[in-house]
C-alpha atoms as a PDB file:
ATOM      1  CA  MET A   1     -17.947   4.196  -9.230  1.00  0.00           C
ATOM      2  CA  VAL A   2     -21.448   4.912  -9.310  1.00  0.00           C
ATOM      3  CA  HIS A   3     -21.842   7.267  -6.060  1.00  0.00           C
ATOM      4  CA  ILE A   4     -26.575   6.866  -6.291  1.00  0.00           C
ATOM      5  CA  GLY A   5     -26.875   9.422  -2.900  1.00  0.00           C
ATOM      6  CA  THR A   6     -25.790  12.756  -5.868  1.00  0.00           C
ATOM      7  CA  LEU A   7     -27.624  10.554  -8.788  1.00  0.00           C
ATOM      8  CA  ILE A   8     -31.247  10.872  -5.746  1.00  0.00           C
ATOM      9  CA  LYS A   9     -29.687  14.065  -5.220  1.00  0.00           C
ATOM     10  CA  GLU A  10     -29.802  15.520  -9.126  1.00  0.00           C
ATOM     11  CA  GLU A  11     -33.055  13.582  -9.787  1.00  0.00           C
ATOM     12  CA  LEU A  12     -34.871  15.274  -7.085  1.00  0.00           C
ATOM     13  CA  ASN A  13     -33.603  18.336  -8.240  1.00  0.00           C
ATOM     14  CA  ARG A  14     -34.905  17.335 -11.711  1.00  0.00           C
ATOM     15  CA  GLN A  15     -38.346  16.389 -10.736  1.00  0.00           C
ATOM     16  CA  GLU A  16     -38.844  20.001  -8.487  1.00  0.00           C
ATOM     17  CA  ARG A  17     -39.122  18.320  -5.436  1.00  0.00           C
ATOM     18  CA  SER A  18     -38.230  19.428  -2.079  1.00  0.00           C
ATOM     19  CA  VAL A  19     -36.338  17.422   0.673  1.00  0.00           C
ATOM     20  CA  ALA A  20     -39.853  17.155   2.970  1.00  0.00           C
ATOM     21  CA  TRP A  21     -42.319  15.762   0.434  1.00  0.00           C
ATOM     22  CA  PHE A  22     -39.549  12.831  -0.851  1.00  0.00           C
ATOM     23  CA  ALA A  23     -39.077  12.414   3.406  1.00  0.00           C
ATOM     24  CA  ARG A  24     -42.615  12.397   3.480  1.00  0.00           C
ATOM     25  CA  LYS A  25     -42.760   9.932   0.813  1.00  0.00           C
ATOM     26  CA  LEU A  26     -39.883   7.851   2.315  1.00  0.00           C
ATOM     27  CA  CYS A  27     -41.544   8.341   6.159  1.00  0.00           C
ATOM     28  CA  CYS A  28     -38.930   9.037   7.339  1.00  0.00           C
ATOM     29  CA  GLU A  29     -36.912  12.655   8.484  1.00  0.00           C
ATOM     30  CA  ARG A  30     -35.490  15.128   6.465  1.00  0.00           C
ATOM     31  CA  THR A  31     -31.859  15.098   8.342  1.00  0.00           C
ATOM     32  CA  ASN A  32     -32.208  10.974   7.118  1.00  0.00           C
ATOM     33  CA  VAL A  33     -32.827  12.465   2.939  1.00  0.00           C
ATOM     34  CA  TYR A  34     -29.512  14.277   3.566  1.00  0.00           C
ATOM     35  CA  SER A  35     -27.639  11.246   5.137  1.00  0.00           C
ATOM     36  CA  ILE A  36     -29.194   8.721   1.519  1.00  0.00           C
ATOM     37  CA  PHE A  37     -27.548  11.465  -0.218  1.00  0.00           C
ATOM     38  CA  LYS A  38     -23.702  11.549   1.096  1.00  0.00           C
ATOM     39  CA  ARG A  39     -24.178   7.389   0.694  1.00  0.00           C
ATOM     40  CA  GLU A  40     -21.658   5.726  -2.460  1.00  0.00           C
ATOM     41  CA  SER A  41     -24.262   2.510  -1.494  1.00  0.00           C
ATOM     42  CA  ILE A  42     -27.351   1.325  -0.970  1.00  0.00           C
ATOM     43  CA  ASP A  43     -29.178  -0.884   0.245  1.00  0.00           C
ATOM     44  CA  THR A  44     -31.531  -2.758  -2.688  1.00  0.00           C
ATOM     45  CA  ALA A  45     -35.033  -2.694  -1.122  1.00  0.00           C
ATOM     46  CA  LEU A  46     -33.992   0.602  -0.315  1.00  0.00           C
ATOM     47  CA  LEU A  47     -33.167   1.892  -3.155  1.00  0.00           C
ATOM     48  CA  LEU A  48     -35.989   0.302  -4.878  1.00  0.00           C
ATOM     49  CA  ARG A  49     -38.790   2.703  -2.823  1.00  0.00           C
ATOM     50  CA  ILE A  50     -36.585   5.024  -3.864  1.00  0.00           C
ATOM     51  CA  SER A  51     -36.839   4.014  -7.637  1.00  0.00           C
ATOM     52  CA  CYS A  52     -41.066   4.010  -7.309  1.00  0.00           C
ATOM     53  CA  ILE A  53     -41.305   7.098  -5.535  1.00  0.00           C
ATOM     54  CA  LEU A  54     -39.502   9.073  -7.953  1.00  0.00           C
ATOM     55  CA  ARG A  55     -40.297   7.311 -10.954  1.00  0.00           C
ATOM     56  CA  HIS A  56     -36.442   6.061 -11.969  1.00  0.00           C
ATOM     57  CA  ASN A  57     -34.431   3.556 -12.403  1.00  0.00           C
ATOM     58  CA  PHE A  58     -31.873   4.364 -10.641  1.00  0.00           C
ATOM     59  CA  PHE A  59     -30.375   0.430 -10.981  1.00  0.00           C
ATOM     60  CA  GLN A  60     -29.768   1.618 -14.681  1.00  0.00           C
ATOM     61  CA  TYR A  61     -26.286   2.423 -13.404  1.00  0.00           C
ATOM     62  CA  TYR A  62     -24.933  -0.407 -11.546  1.00  0.00           C
ATOM     63  CA  LEU A  63     -26.035  -1.484 -14.940  1.00  0.00           C
ATOM     64  CA  GLN A  64     -24.127   0.318 -16.961  1.00  0.00           C
ATOM     65  CA  GLU A  65     -21.396  -0.437 -14.876  1.00  0.00           C
ATOM     66  CA  LEU A  66     -21.328  -4.135 -15.041  1.00  0.00           C
ATOM     67  CA  SER A  67     -21.530  -3.521 -18.192  1.00  0.00           C
ATOM     68  CA  ASP A  68     -18.240  -2.046 -18.588  1.00  0.00           C
ATOM     69  CA  CYS A  69     -16.606  -5.359 -16.085  1.00  0.00           C
ATOM     70  CA  ASP A  70     -14.936  -7.811 -18.632  1.00  0.00           C
ATOM     71  CA  PHE A  71     -16.634 -11.477 -17.415  1.00  0.00           C
ATOM     72  CA  TYR A  72     -14.811 -13.600 -19.891  1.00  0.00           C
ATOM     73  CA  SER A  73     -10.991 -12.379 -18.265  1.00  0.00           C
ATOM     74  CA  THR A  74      -8.787 -14.822 -17.435  1.00  0.00           C
ATOM     75  CA  GLU A  75      -6.687 -12.768 -15.782  1.00  0.00           C
ATOM     76  CA  PRO A  76      -7.509 -12.488 -11.672  1.00  0.00           C
END
């Protein structure tokens, strides 16, 4: 399962951006950013904002998991 908070934190670090910078862009406090880093799941509207801010498609990780699902299985 995707741990989206970890992926967001890793991307922020990869871009060498600070938590303070990210918080300003999200219009929130730094404590909220640290809370995001701990999340295993996230609201899609927030994920869209984060994707735009970091210019990184975080939805791709969910699409990968979705492609690993067997939609055509007849078993419950």
